[in-house]
Amino acid sequence: MSRSRVERGAVTAELAMALPLLLAVTVGLVWLLSVGAAQVRTVDAARETARAMARGDDTGAAVAAGTRVAPPGARVQVTTSGEQVVATASARVDGPAGLFGFLPSVTVHAEAVALAEDDP
């Protein structure tokens, strides 16, 4: 058997062993990207809710505005203390299923604070 033929078989074997690892790393990176996107949407939801409450919207309308921009299944809550409005949002991001079910789910949180605006 020629040496180049043996080397060609070794490259094929190495590639066959590396592909599953490459796939696992890619799935992990995509999952991390989805966690980052959910965190950004959660921050936006808290900020939108606090802004709506500061403008004088009622609590239901403010929470609805925050829920519209939040990730699916997110919880948005509002508390007020004097002129200060505090909105908190949290959402759970599930890990990928199937062979990658060992990756845990992550809960992302955000909090936004705003001062109530004076009526003109």
PDB file of N, CA and C in Angstrom:
ATOM      1  N   MET A   1       0.836  -1.176   0.000  1.00  0.00           N
ATOM      2  CA  MET A   1       0.000   0.000   0.000  1.00  0.00           C
ATOM      3  C   MET A   1       0.884   1.243   0.000  1.00  0.00           C
ATOM      4  N   SER A   2       0.518   2.211  -0.795  1.00  0.00           N
ATOM      5  CA  SER A   2       1.346   3.406  -0.876  1.00  0.00           C
ATOM      6  C   SER A   2       1.116   4.290   0.348  1.00  0.00           C
ATOM      7  N   ARG A   3       2.092   5.091   0.634  1.00  0.00           N
ATOM      8  CA  ARG A   3       2.034   5.946   1.819  1.00  0.00           C
ATOM      9  C   ARG A   3       0.950   6.999   1.695  1.00  0.00           C
ATOM     10  N   SER A   4       0.734   7.586   0.533  1.00  0.00           N
ATOM     11  CA  SER A   4      -0.284   8.631   0.366  1.00  0.00           C
ATOM     12  C   SER A   4      -1.686   8.084   0.600  1.00  0.00           C
ATOM     13  N   ARG A   5      -1.908   6.825   0.256  1.00  0.00           N
ATOM     14  CA  ARG A   5      -3.221   6.222   0.471  1.00  0.00           C
ATOM     15  C   ARG A   5      -3.493   6.031   1.972  1.00  0.00           C
ATOM     16  N   VAL A   6      -2.502   5.641   2.730  1.00  0.00           N
ATOM     17  CA  VAL A   6      -2.633   5.477   4.178  1.00  0.00           C
ATOM     18  C   VAL A   6      -2.889   6.836   4.832  1.00  0.00           C
ATOM     19  N   GLU A   7      -2.159   7.850   4.389  1.00  0.00           N
ATOM     20  CA  GLU A   7      -2.345   9.189   4.952  1.00  0.00           C
ATOM     21  C   GLU A   7      -3.736   9.734   4.639  1.00  0.00           C
ATOM     22  N   ARG A   8      -4.237   9.434   3.456  1.00  0.00           N
ATOM     23  CA  ARG A   8      -5.561   9.886   3.078  1.00  0.00           C
ATOM     24  C   ARG A   8      -6.617   9.259   4.000  1.00  0.00           C
ATOM     25  N   GLY A   9      -6.453   8.014   4.354  1.00  0.00           N
ATOM     26  CA  GLY A   9      -7.373   7.343   5.273  1.00  0.00           C
ATOM     27  C   GLY A   9      -7.297   7.934   6.669  1.00  0.00           C
ATOM     28  N   ALA A  10      -6.101   8.350   7.084  1.00  0.00           N
ATOM     29  CA  ALA A  10      -5.941   8.955   8.406  1.00  0.00           C
ATOM     30  C   ALA A  10      -6.661  10.303   8.472  1.00  0.00           C
ATOM     31  N   VAL A  11      -6.594  11.059   7.400  1.00  0.00           N
ATOM     32  CA  VAL A  11      -7.282  12.348   7.363  1.00  0.00           C
ATOM     33  C   VAL A  11      -8.786  12.145   7.449  1.00  0.00           C
ATOM     34  N   THR A  12      -9.298  11.157   6.759  1.00  0.00           N
ATOM     35  CA  THR A  12     -10.731  10.865   6.809  1.00  0.00           C
ATOM     36  C   THR A  12     -11.147  10.463   8.223  1.00  0.00           C
ATOM     37  N   ALA A  13     -10.354   9.656   8.894  1.00  0.00           N
ATOM     38  CA  ALA A  13     -10.670   9.238  10.265  1.00  0.00           C
ATOM     39  C   ALA A  13     -10.637  10.419  11.222  1.00  0.00           C
ATOM     40  N   GLU A  14      -9.638  11.278  11.057  1.00  0.00           N
ATOM     41  CA  GLU A  14      -9.555  12.460  11.915  1.00  0.00           C
ATOM     42  C   GLU A  14     -10.750  13.376  11.697  1.00  0.00           C
ATOM     43  N   LEU A  15     -11.161  13.549  10.458  1.00  0.00           N
ATOM     44  CA  LEU A  15     -12.311  14.384  10.156  1.00  0.00           C
ATOM     45  C   LEU A  15     -13.587  13.791  10.743  1.00  0.00           C
ATOM     46  N   ALA A  16     -13.726  12.479  10.656  1.00  0.00           N
ATOM     47  CA  ALA A  16     -14.898  11.810  11.216  1.00  0.00           C
ATOM     48  C   ALA A  16     -14.966  11.965  12.729  1.00  0.00           C
ATOM     49  N   MET A  17     -13.842  12.046  13.387  1.00  0.00           N
ATOM     50  CA  MET A  17     -13.830  12.230  14.839  1.00  0.00           C
ATOM     51  C   MET A  17     -14.040  13.691  15.215  1.00  0.00           C
ATOM     52  N   ALA A  18     -13.611  14.615  14.381  1.00  0.00           N
ATOM     53  CA  ALA A  18     -13.704  16.036  14.707  1.00  0.00           C
ATOM     54  C   ALA A  18     -15.082  16.623  14.422  1.00  0.00           C
ATOM     55  N   LEU A  19     -15.813  16.071  13.469  1.00  0.00           N
ATOM     56  CA  LEU A  19     -17.112  16.646  13.105  1.00  0.00           C
ATOM     57  C   LEU A  19     -18.114  16.675  14.260  1.00  0.00           C
ATOM     58  N   PRO A  20     -18.285  15.613  15.047  1.00  0.00           N
ATOM     59  CA  PRO A  20     -19.219  15.704  16.179  1.00  0.00           C
ATOM     60  C   PRO A  20     -18.825  16.772  17.198  1.00  0.00           C
ATOM     61  N   LEU A  21     -17.534  16.901  17.443  1.00  0.00           N
ATOM     62  CA  LEU A  21     -17.075  17.936  18.363  1.00  0.00           C
ATOM     63  C   LEU A  21     -17.366  19.322  17.805  1.00  0.00           C
ATOM     64  N   LEU A  22     -17.136  19.509  16.538  1.00  0.00           N
ATOM     65  CA  LEU A  22     -17.429  20.785  15.892  1.00  0.00           C
ATOM     66  C   LEU A  22     -18.923  21.103  15.941  1.00  0.00           C
ATOM     67  N   LEU A  23     -19.756  20.102  15.739  1.00  0.00           N
ATOM     68  CA  LEU A  23     -21.203  20.285  15.834  1.00  0.00           C
ATOM     69  C   LEU A  23     -21.610  20.663  17.249  1.00  0.00           C
ATOM     70  N   ALA A  24     -21.043  20.009  18.244  1.00  0.00           N
ATOM     71  CA  ALA A  24     -21.366  20.310  19.642  1.00  0.00           C
ATOM     72  C   ALA A  24     -20.972  21.739  20.000  1.00  0.00           C
ATOM     73  N   VAL A  25     -19.821  22.175  19.573  1.00  0.00           N
ATOM     74  CA  VAL A  25     -19.376  23.544  19.842  1.00  0.00           C
ATOM     75  C   VAL A  25     -20.300  24.546  19.150  1.00  0.00           C
ATOM     76  N   THR A  26     -20.707  24.265  17.931  1.00  0.00           N
ATOM     77  CA  THR A  26     -21.607  25.156  17.198  1.00  0.00           C
ATOM     78  C   THR A  26     -22.961  25.272  17.895  1.00  0.00           C
ATOM     79  N   VAL A  27     -23.519  24.147  18.324  1.00  0.00           N
ATOM     80  CA  VAL A  27     -24.804  24.180  19.035  1.00  0.00           C
ATOM     81  C   VAL A  27     -24.664  24.959  20.338  1.00  0.00           C
ATOM     82  N   GLY A  28     -23.584  24.765  21.052  1.00  0.00           N
ATOM     83  CA  GLY A  28     -23.352  25.515  22.289  1.00  0.00           C
ATOM     84  C   GLY A  28     -23.262  27.005  22.055  1.00  0.00           C
ATOM     85  N   LEU A  29     -22.579  27.402  21.005  1.00  0.00           N
ATOM     86  CA  LEU A  29     -22.459  28.831  20.696  1.00  0.00           C
ATOM     87  C   LEU A  29     -23.793  29.438  20.281  1.00  0.00           C
ATOM     88  N   VAL A  30     -24.583  28.698  19.537  1.00  0.00           N
ATOM     89  CA  VAL A  30     -25.909  29.188  19.146  1.00  0.00           C
ATOM     90  C   VAL A  30     -26.791  29.333  20.382  1.00  0.00           C
ATOM     91  N   TRP A  31     -26.682  28.390  21.318  1.00  0.00           N
ATOM     92  CA  TRP A  31     -27.460  28.482  22.558  1.00  0.00           C
ATOM     93  C   TRP A  31     -27.033  29.707  23.367  1.00  0.00           C
ATOM     94  N   LEU A  32     -25.736  29.965  23.461  1.00  0.00           N
ATOM     95  CA  LEU A  32     -25.265  31.158  24.166  1.00  0.00           C
ATOM     96  C   LEU A  32     -25.756  32.435  23.491  1.00  0.00           C
ATOM     97  N   LEU A  33     -25.821  32.430  22.188  1.00  0.00           N
ATOM     98  CA  LEU A  33     -26.347  33.578  21.461  1.00  0.00           C
ATOM     99  C   LEU A  33     -27.825  33.796  21.792  1.00  0.00           C
ATOM    100  N   SER A  34     -28.591  32.724  21.897  1.00  0.00           N
ATOM    101  CA  SER A  34     -30.007  32.870  22.235  1.00  0.00           C
ATOM    102  C   SER A  34     -30.178  33.368  23.666  1.00  0.00           C
ATOM    103  N   VAL A  35     -29.303  32.990  24.575  1.00  0.00           N
ATOM    104  CA  VAL A  35     -29.355  33.512  25.950  1.00  0.00           C
ATOM    105  C   VAL A  35     -29.057  35.011  25.939  1.00  0.00           C
ATOM    106  N   GLY A  36     -28.066  35.426  25.175  1.00  0.00           N
ATOM    107  CA  GLY A  36     -27.746  36.856  25.074  1.00  0.00           C
ATOM    108  C   GLY A  36     -28.885  37.662  24.485  1.00  0.00           C
ATOM    109  N   ALA A  37     -29.526  37.133  23.449  1.00  0.00           N
ATOM    110  CA  ALA A  37     -30.662  37.838  22.844  1.00  0.00           C
ATOM    111  C   ALA A  37     -31.825  37.931  23.824  1.00  0.00           C
ATOM    112  N   ALA A  38     -32.064  36.885  24.598  1.00  0.00           N
ATOM    113  CA  ALA A  38     -33.133  36.922  25.600  1.00  0.00           C
ATOM    114  C   ALA A  38     -32.821  37.942  26.692  1.00  0.00           C
ATOM    115  N   GLN A  39     -31.557  38.068  27.072  1.00  0.00           N
ATOM    116  CA  GLN A  39     -31.182  39.064  28.083  1.00  0.00           C
ATOM    117  C   GLN A  39     -31.450  40.480  27.577  1.00  0.00           C
ATOM    118  N   VAL A  40     -31.111  40.735  26.332  1.00  0.00           N
ATOM    119  CA  VAL A  40     -31.354  42.067  25.752  1.00  0.00           C
ATOM    120  C   VAL A  40     -32.852  42.367  25.712  1.00  0.00           C
ATOM    121  N   ARG A  41     -33.651  41.386  25.301  1.00  0.00           N
ATOM    122  CA  ARG A  41     -35.104  41.585  25.253  1.00  0.00           C
ATOM    123  C   ARG A  41     -35.687  41.776  26.642  1.00  0.00           C
ATOM    124  N   THR A  42     -35.119  41.121  27.647  1.00  0.00           N
ATOM    125  CA  THR A  42     -35.590  41.276  29.024  1.00  0.00           C
ATOM    126  C   THR A  42     -35.260  42.672  29.545  1.00  0.00           C
ATOM    127  N   VAL A  43     -34.087  43.163  29.253  1.00  0.00           N
ATOM    128  CA  VAL A  43     -33.724  44.539  29.633  1.00  0.00           C
ATOM    129  C   VAL A  43     -34.665  45.532  28.955  1.00  0.00           C
ATOM    130  N   ASP A  44     -34.945  45.321  27.669  1.00  0.00           N
ATOM    131  CA  ASP A  44     -35.870  46.205  26.955  1.00  0.00           C
ATOM    132  C   ASP A  44     -37.261  46.171  27.574  1.00  0.00           C
ATOM    133  N   ALA A  45     -37.709  45.001  27.999  1.00  0.00           N
ATOM    134  CA  ALA A  45     -39.040  44.870  28.605  1.00  0.00           C
ATOM    135  C   ALA A  45     -39.120  45.642  29.916  1.00  0.00           C
ATOM    136  N   ALA A  46     -38.104  45.516  30.755  1.00  0.00           N
ATOM    137  CA  ALA A  46     -38.098  46.248  32.024  1.00  0.00           C
ATOM    138  C   ALA A  46     -38.054  47.753  31.776  1.00  0.00           C
ATOM    139  N   ARG A  47     -37.226  48.175  30.835  1.00  0.00           N
ATOM    140  CA  ARG A  47     -37.113  49.602  30.541  1.00  0.00           C
ATOM    141  C   ARG A  47     -38.417  50.161  29.971  1.00  0.00           C
ATOM    142  N   GLU A  48     -39.050  49.425  29.069  1.00  0.00           N
ATOM    143  CA  GLU A  48     -40.308  49.874  28.475  1.00  0.00           C
ATOM    144  C   GLU A  48     -41.413  49.980  29.525  1.00  0.00           C
ATOM    145  N   THR A  49     -41.457  49.023  30.428  1.00  0.00           N
ATOM    146  CA  THR A  49     -42.463  49.050  31.491  1.00  0.00           C
ATOM    147  C   THR A  49     -42.243  50.228  32.425  1.00  0.00           C
ATOM    148  N   ALA A  50     -41.006  50.453  32.849  1.00  0.00           N
ATOM    149  CA  ALA A  50     -40.714  51.577  33.740  1.00  0.00           C
ATOM    150  C   ALA A  50     -41.016  52.905  33.060  1.00  0.00           C
ATOM    151  N   ARG A  51     -40.679  53.015  31.783  1.00  0.00           N
ATOM    152  CA  ARG A  51     -40.951  54.257  31.047  1.00  0.00           C
ATOM    153  C   ARG A  51     -42.450  54.520  30.942  1.00  0.00           C
ATOM    154  N   ALA A  52     -43.226  53.488  30.655  1.00  0.00           N
ATOM    155  CA  ALA A  52     -44.681  53.651  30.531  1.00  0.00           C
ATOM    156  C   ALA A  52     -45.291  54.063  31.858  1.00  0.00           C
ATOM    157  N   MET A  53     -44.843  53.457  32.945  1.00  0.00           N
ATOM    158  CA  MET A  53     -45.363  53.835  34.270  1.00  0.00           C
ATOM    159  C   MET A  53     -44.960  55.263  34.619  1.00  0.00           C
ATOM    160  N   ALA A  54     -43.756  55.659  34.271  1.00  0.00           N
ATOM    161  CA  ALA A  54     -43.287  57.018  34.567  1.00  0.00           C
ATOM    162  C   ALA A  54     -44.085  58.058  33.796  1.00  0.00           C
ATOM    163  N   ARG A  55     -44.560  57.690  32.591  1.00  0.00           N
ATOM    164  CA  ARG A  55     -45.381  58.613  31.802  1.00  0.00           C
ATOM    165  C   ARG A  55     -46.781  58.757  32.358  1.00  0.00           C
ATOM    166  N   GLY A  56     -47.185  57.845  33.233  1.00  0.00           N
ATOM    167  CA  GLY A  56     -48.504  57.929  33.826  1.00  0.00           C
ATOM    168  C   GLY A  56     -49.481  56.878  33.336  1.00  0.00           C
ATOM    169  N   ASP A  57     -49.017  55.896  32.551  1.00  0.00           N
ATOM    170  CA  ASP A  57     -49.899  54.810  32.118  1.00  0.00           C
ATOM    171  C   ASP A  57     -50.291  53.977  33.334  1.00  0.00           C
ATOM    172  N   ASP A  58     -51.445  53.304  33.248  1.00  0.00           N
ATOM    173  CA  ASP A  58     -51.825  52.444  34.359  1.00  0.00           C
ATOM    174  C   ASP A  58     -50.956  51.178  34.343  1.00  0.00           C
ATOM    175  N   THR A  59     -50.974  50.464  35.446  1.00  0.00           N
ATOM    176  CA  THR A  59     -50.082  49.317  35.612  1.00  0.00           C
ATOM    177  C   THR A  59     -50.326  48.249  34.549  1.00  0.00           C
ATOM    178  N   GLY A  60     -51.577  47.962  34.242  1.00  0.00           N
ATOM    179  CA  GLY A  60     -51.888  46.934  33.243  1.00  0.00           C
ATOM    180  C   GLY A  60     -51.340  47.284  31.873  1.00  0.00           C
ATOM    181  N   ALA A  61     -51.495  48.538  31.470  1.00  0.00           N
ATOM    182  CA  ALA A  61     -50.990  48.961  30.160  1.00  0.00           C
ATOM    183  C   ALA A  61     -49.463  48.939  30.129  1.00  0.00           C
ATOM    184  N   ALA A  62     -48.837  49.336  31.230  1.00  0.00           N
ATOM    185  CA  ALA A  62     -47.373  49.353  31.284  1.00  0.00           C
ATOM    186  C   ALA A  62     -46.811  47.934  31.221  1.00  0.00           C
ATOM    187  N   VAL A  63     -47.419  47.011  31.975  1.00  0.00           N
ATOM    188  CA  VAL A  63     -46.960  45.625  31.958  1.00  0.00           C
ATOM    189  C   VAL A  63     -47.199  45.008  30.579  1.00  0.00           C
ATOM    190  N   ALA A  64     -48.321  45.343  29.949  1.00  0.00           N
ATOM    191  CA  ALA A  64     -48.599  44.829  28.602  1.00  0.00           C
ATOM    192  C   ALA A  64     -47.556  45.340  27.604  1.00  0.00           C
ATOM    193  N   ALA A  65     -47.152  46.595  27.744  1.00  0.00           N
ATOM    194  CA  ALA A  65     -46.122  47.146  26.850  1.00  0.00           C
ATOM    195  C   ALA A  65     -44.800  46.416  27.049  1.00  0.00           C
ATOM    196  N   GLY A  66     -44.446  46.117  28.282  1.00  0.00           N
ATOM    197  CA  GLY A  66     -43.212  45.387  28.542  1.00  0.00           C
ATOM    198  C   GLY A  66     -43.279  43.948  28.063  1.00  0.00           C
ATOM    199  N   THR A  67     -44.438  43.325  28.222  1.00  0.00           N
ATOM    200  CA  THR A  67     -44.602  41.933  27.815  1.00  0.00           C
ATOM    201  C   THR A  67     -44.496  41.778  26.306  1.00  0.00           C
ATOM    202  N   ARG A  68     -44.909  42.793  25.563  1.00  0.00           N
ATOM    203  CA  ARG A  68     -44.826  42.724  24.099  1.00  0.00           C
ATOM    204  C   ARG A  68     -43.389  42.604  23.603  1.00  0.00           C
ATOM    205  N   VAL A  69     -42.443  43.223  24.294  1.00  0.00           N
ATOM    206  CA  VAL A  69     -41.046  43.173  23.834  1.00  0.00           C
ATOM    207  C   VAL A  69     -40.230  42.104  24.550  1.00  0.00           C
ATOM    208  N   ALA A  70     -40.810  41.485  25.563  1.00  0.00           N
ATOM    209  CA  ALA A  70     -40.098  40.475  26.346  1.00  0.00           C
ATOM    210  C   ALA A  70     -40.056  39.138  25.597  1.00  0.00           C
ATOM    211  N   PRO A  71     -39.139  38.266  25.981  1.00  0.00           N
ATOM    212  CA  PRO A  71     -39.128  36.916  25.398  1.00  0.00           C
ATOM    213  C   PRO A  71     -40.409  36.169  25.779  1.00  0.00           C
ATOM    214  N   PRO A  72     -40.774  35.149  25.037  1.00  0.00           N
ATOM    215  CA  PRO A  72     -41.980  34.385  25.362  1.00  0.00           C
ATOM    216  C   PRO A  72     -41.912  33.794  26.773  1.00  0.00           C
ATOM    217  N   GLY A  73     -43.017  33.916  27.500  1.00  0.00           N
ATOM    218  CA  GLY A  73     -43.091  33.362  28.850  1.00  0.00           C
ATOM    219  C   GLY A  73     -42.458  34.219  29.927  1.00  0.00           C
ATOM    220  N   ALA A  74     -42.084  35.448  29.611  1.00  0.00           N
ATOM    221  CA  ALA A  74     -41.432  36.324  30.586  1.00  0.00           C
ATOM    222  C   ALA A  74     -42.439  36.852  31.601  1.00  0.00           C
ATOM    223  N   ARG A  75     -41.934  37.168  32.785  1.00  0.00           N
ATOM    224  CA  ARG A  75     -42.738  37.807  33.828  1.00  0.00           C
ATOM    225  C   ARG A  75     -42.270  39.237  33.979  1.00  0.00           C
ATOM    226  N   VAL A  76     -43.217  40.159  34.000  1.00  0.00           N
ATOM    227  CA  VAL A  76     -42.907  41.577  34.173  1.00  0.00           C
ATOM    228  C   VAL A  76     -43.686  42.066  35.377  1.00  0.00           C
ATOM    229  N   GLN A  77     -43.007  42.731  36.317  1.00  0.00           N
ATOM    230  CA  GLN A  77     -43.644  43.247  37.526  1.00  0.00           C
ATOM    231  C   GLN A  77     -43.251  44.699  37.734  1.00  0.00           C
ATOM    232  N   VAL A  78     -44.139  45.441  38.404  1.00  0.00           N
ATOM    233  CA  VAL A  78     -43.901  46.856  38.664  1.00  0.00           C
ATOM    234  C   VAL A  78     -44.153  47.140  40.139  1.00  0.00           C
ATOM    235  N   THR A  79     -43.269  47.915  40.740  1.00  0.00           N
ATOM    236  CA  THR A  79     -43.499  48.435  42.081  1.00  0.00           C
ATOM    237  C   THR A  79     -43.228  49.931  42.055  1.00  0.00           C
ATOM    238  N   THR A  80     -43.954  50.663  42.872  1.00  0.00           N
ATOM    239  CA  THR A  80     -43.741  52.105  42.967  1.00  0.00           C
ATOM    240  C   THR A  80     -43.448  52.466  44.408  1.00  0.00           C
ATOM    241  N   SER A  81     -42.596  53.437  44.571  1.00  0.00           N
ATOM    242  CA  SER A  81     -42.244  53.943  45.892  1.00  0.00           C
ATOM    243  C   SER A  81     -42.096  55.448  45.775  1.00  0.00           C
ATOM    244  N   GLY A  82     -43.138  56.157  46.141  1.00  0.00           N
ATOM    245  CA  GLY A  82     -43.126  57.605  45.981  1.00  0.00           C
ATOM    246  C   GLY A  82     -43.134  57.963  44.509  1.00  0.00           C
ATOM    247  N   GLU A  83     -42.119  58.690  44.070  1.00  0.00           N
ATOM    248  CA  GLU A  83     -42.013  59.065  42.654  1.00  0.00           C
ATOM    249  C   GLU A  83     -41.186  58.076  41.841  1.00  0.00           C
ATOM    250  N   GLN A  84     -40.657  57.072  42.490  1.00  0.00           N
ATOM    251  CA  GLN A  84     -39.788  56.120  41.811  1.00  0.00           C
ATOM    252  C   GLN A  84     -40.584  54.883  41.363  1.00  0.00           C
ATOM    253  N   VAL A  85     -40.363  54.502  40.107  1.00  0.00           N
ATOM    254  CA  VAL A  85     -40.991  53.314  39.538  1.00  0.00           C
ATOM    255  C   VAL A  85     -39.894  52.287  39.271  1.00  0.00           C
ATOM    256  N   VAL A  86     -40.103  51.055  39.753  1.00  0.00           N
ATOM    257  CA  VAL A  86     -39.139  49.974  39.534  1.00  0.00           C
ATOM    258  C   VAL A  86     -39.844  48.853  38.786  1.00  0.00           C
ATOM    259  N   ALA A  87     -39.337  48.531  37.623  1.00  0.00           N
ATOM    260  CA  ALA A  87     -39.891  47.436  36.814  1.00  0.00           C
ATOM    261  C   ALA A  87     -38.857  46.319  36.753  1.00  0.00           C
ATOM    262  N   THR A  88     -39.314  45.103  36.993  1.00  0.00           N
ATOM    263  CA  THR A  88     -38.431  43.953  36.891  1.00  0.00           C
ATOM    264  C   THR A  88     -39.013  42.979  35.872  1.00  0.00           C
ATOM    265  N   ALA A  89     -38.138  42.346  35.145  1.00  0.00           N
ATOM    266  CA  ALA A  89     -38.554  41.354  34.155  1.00  0.00           C
ATOM    267  C   ALA A  89     -37.629  40.156  34.275  1.00  0.00           C
ATOM    268  N   SER A  90     -38.188  38.974  34.076  1.00  0.00           N
ATOM    269  CA  SER A  90     -37.376  37.758  34.082  1.00  0.00           C
ATOM    270  C   SER A  90     -37.957  36.777  33.077  1.00  0.00           C
ATOM    271  N   ALA A  91     -37.090  35.992  32.500  1.00  0.00           N
ATOM    272  CA  ALA A  91     -37.506  35.000  31.508  1.00  0.00           C
ATOM    273  C   ALA A  91     -36.585  33.799  31.604  1.00  0.00           C
ATOM    274  N   ARG A  92     -37.113  32.651  31.252  1.00  0.00           N
ATOM    275  CA  ARG A  92     -36.341  31.414  31.269  1.00  0.00           C
ATOM    276  C   ARG A  92     -35.992  31.027  29.831  1.00  0.00           C
ATOM    277  N   VAL A  93     -34.734  30.706  29.616  1.00  0.00           N
ATOM    278  CA  VAL A  93     -34.261  30.265  28.305  1.00  0.00           C
ATOM    279  C   VAL A  93     -33.878  28.795  28.444  1.00  0.00           C
ATOM    280  N   ASP A  94     -34.608  27.928  27.758  1.00  0.00           N
ATOM    281  CA  ASP A  94     -34.331  26.496  27.825  1.00  0.00           C
ATOM    282  C   ASP A  94     -33.122  26.151  26.970  1.00  0.00           C
ATOM    283  N   GLY A  95     -32.409  25.131  27.396  1.00  0.00           N
ATOM    284  CA  GLY A  95     -31.282  24.632  26.624  1.00  0.00           C
ATOM    285  C   GLY A  95     -31.783  23.864  25.416  1.00  0.00           C
ATOM    286  N   PRO A  96     -30.915  23.609  24.466  1.00  0.00           N
ATOM    287  CA  PRO A  96     -31.334  22.828  23.302  1.00  0.00           C
ATOM    288  C   PRO A  96     -31.693  21.407  23.726  1.00  0.00           C
ATOM    289  N   ALA A  97     -32.610  20.808  23.028  1.00  0.00           N
ATOM    290  CA  ALA A  97     -33.078  19.469  23.384  1.00  0.00           C
ATOM    291  C   ALA A  97     -32.278  18.409  22.630  1.00  0.00           C
ATOM    292  N   GLY A  98     -32.737  17.194  22.705  1.00  0.00           N
ATOM    293  CA  GLY A  98     -32.102  16.100  21.983  1.00  0.00           C
ATOM    294  C   GLY A  98     -30.790  15.698  22.620  1.00  0.00           C
ATOM    295  N   LEU A  99     -29.785  15.513  21.811  1.00  0.00           N
ATOM    296  CA  LEU A  99     -28.478  15.100  22.315  1.00  0.00           C
ATOM    297  C   LEU A  99     -27.848  16.137  23.224  1.00  0.00           C
ATOM    298  N   PHE A 100     -28.309  17.381  23.126  1.00  0.00           N
ATOM    299  CA  PHE A 100     -27.725  18.463  23.907  1.00  0.00           C
ATOM    300  C   PHE A 100     -28.616  18.844  25.086  1.00  0.00           C
ATOM    301  N   GLY A 101     -29.457  17.911  25.522  1.00  0.00           N
ATOM    302  CA  GLY A 101     -30.353  18.148  26.643  1.00  0.00           C
ATOM    303  C   GLY A 101     -29.620  18.354  27.961  1.00  0.00           C
ATOM    304  N   PHE A 102     -28.349  18.023  28.014  1.00  0.00           N
ATOM    305  CA  PHE A 102     -27.578  18.216  29.242  1.00  0.00           C
ATOM    306  C   PHE A 102     -27.288  19.691  29.520  1.00  0.00           C
ATOM    307  N   LEU A 103     -27.424  20.554  28.501  1.00  0.00           N
ATOM    308  CA  LEU A 103     -27.209  21.984  28.719  1.00  0.00           C
ATOM    309  C   LEU A 103     -28.357  22.521  29.566  1.00  0.00           C
ATOM    310  N   PRO A 104     -28.058  23.270  30.600  1.00  0.00           N
ATOM    311  CA  PRO A 104     -29.107  23.709  31.526  1.00  0.00           C
ATOM    312  C   PRO A 104     -29.931  24.856  30.960  1.00  0.00           C
ATOM    313  N   SER A 105     -31.108  25.062  31.567  1.00  0.00           N
ATOM    314  CA  SER A 105     -31.874  26.259  31.235  1.00  0.00           C
ATOM    315  C   SER A 105     -31.316  27.403  32.079  1.00  0.00           C
ATOM    316  N   VAL A 106     -31.506  28.613  31.600  1.00  0.00           N
ATOM    317  CA  VAL A 106     -30.972  29.802  32.252  1.00  0.00           C
ATOM    318  C   VAL A 106     -32.111  30.787  32.448  1.00  0.00           C
ATOM    319  N   THR A 107     -32.133  31.453  33.602  1.00  0.00           N
ATOM    320  CA  THR A 107     -33.115  32.509  33.835  1.00  0.00           C
ATOM    321  C   THR A 107     -32.394  33.847  33.758  1.00  0.00           C
ATOM    322  N   VAL A 108     -32.896  34.732  32.903  1.00  0.00           N
ATOM    323  CA  VAL A 108     -32.308  36.064  32.755  1.00  0.00           C
ATOM    324  C   VAL A 108     -33.196  37.064  33.494  1.00  0.00           C
ATOM    325  N   HIS A 109     -32.577  38.052  34.116  1.00  0.00           N
ATOM    326  CA  HIS A 109     -33.285  39.057  34.906  1.00  0.00           C
ATOM    327  C   HIS A 109     -32.861  40.453  34.455  1.00  0.00           C
ATOM    328  N   ALA A 110     -33.771  41.396  34.651  1.00  0.00           N
ATOM    329  CA  ALA A 110     -33.433  42.798  34.398  1.00  0.00           C
ATOM    330  C   ALA A 110     -34.294  43.673  35.290  1.00  0.00           C
ATOM    331  N   GLU A 111     -33.753  44.828  35.618  1.00  0.00           N
ATOM    332  CA  GLU A 111     -34.477  45.805  36.452  1.00  0.00           C
ATOM    333  C   GLU A 111     -34.252  47.187  35.880  1.00  0.00           C
ATOM    334  N   ALA A 112     -35.316  47.980  35.835  1.00  0.00           N
ATOM    335  CA  ALA A 112     -35.213  49.352  35.351  1.00  0.00           C
ATOM    336  C   ALA A 112     -35.905  50.268  36.341  1.00  0.00           C
ATOM    337  N   VAL A 113     -35.317  51.432  36.566  1.00  0.00           N
ATOM    338  CA  VAL A 113     -35.849  52.419  37.514  1.00  0.00           C
ATOM    339  C   VAL A 113     -36.093  53.713  36.763  1.00  0.00           C
ATOM    340  N   ALA A 114     -37.243  54.335  37.031  1.00  0.00           N
ATOM    341  CA  ALA A 114     -37.564  55.618  36.399  1.00  0.00           C
ATOM    342  C   ALA A 114     -38.269  56.502  37.424  1.00  0.00           C
ATOM    343  N   LEU A 115     -38.144  57.806  37.248  1.00  0.00           N
ATOM    344  CA  LEU A 115     -38.858  58.760  38.087  1.00  0.00           C
ATOM    345  C   LEU A 115     -40.145  59.155  37.371  1.00  0.00           C
ATOM    346  N   ALA A 116     -41.218  59.215  38.131  1.00  0.00           N
ATOM    347  CA  ALA A 116     -42.514  59.604  37.565  1.00  0.00           C
ATOM    348  C   ALA A 116     -42.426  61.032  37.024  1.00  0.00           C
ATOM    349  N   GLU A 117     -42.942  61.217  35.819  1.00  0.00           N
ATOM    350  CA  GLU A 117     -42.923  62.540  35.208  1.00  0.00           C
ATOM    351  C   GLU A 117     -44.050  63.393  35.785  1.00  0.00           C
ATOM    352  N   ASP A 118     -43.783  64.688  35.857  1.00  0.00           N
ATOM    353  CA  ASP A 118     -44.805  65.621  36.335  1.00  0.00           C
ATOM    354  C   ASP A 118     -45.809  65.864  35.230  1.00  0.00           C
ATOM    355  N   ASP A 119     -47.078  65.989  35.593  1.00  0.00           N
ATOM    356  CA  ASP A 119     -48.111  66.325  34.622  1.00  0.00           C
ATOM    357  C   ASP A 119     -47.932  67.776  34.192  1.00  0.00           C
ATOM    358  N   PRO A 120     -48.028  68.053  32.889  1.00  0.00           N
ATOM    359  CA  PRO A 120     -47.837  69.431  32.421  1.00  0.00           C
ATOM    360  C   PRO A 120     -49.007  70.323  32.781  1.00  0.00           C
TER     361      PRO A 120
END
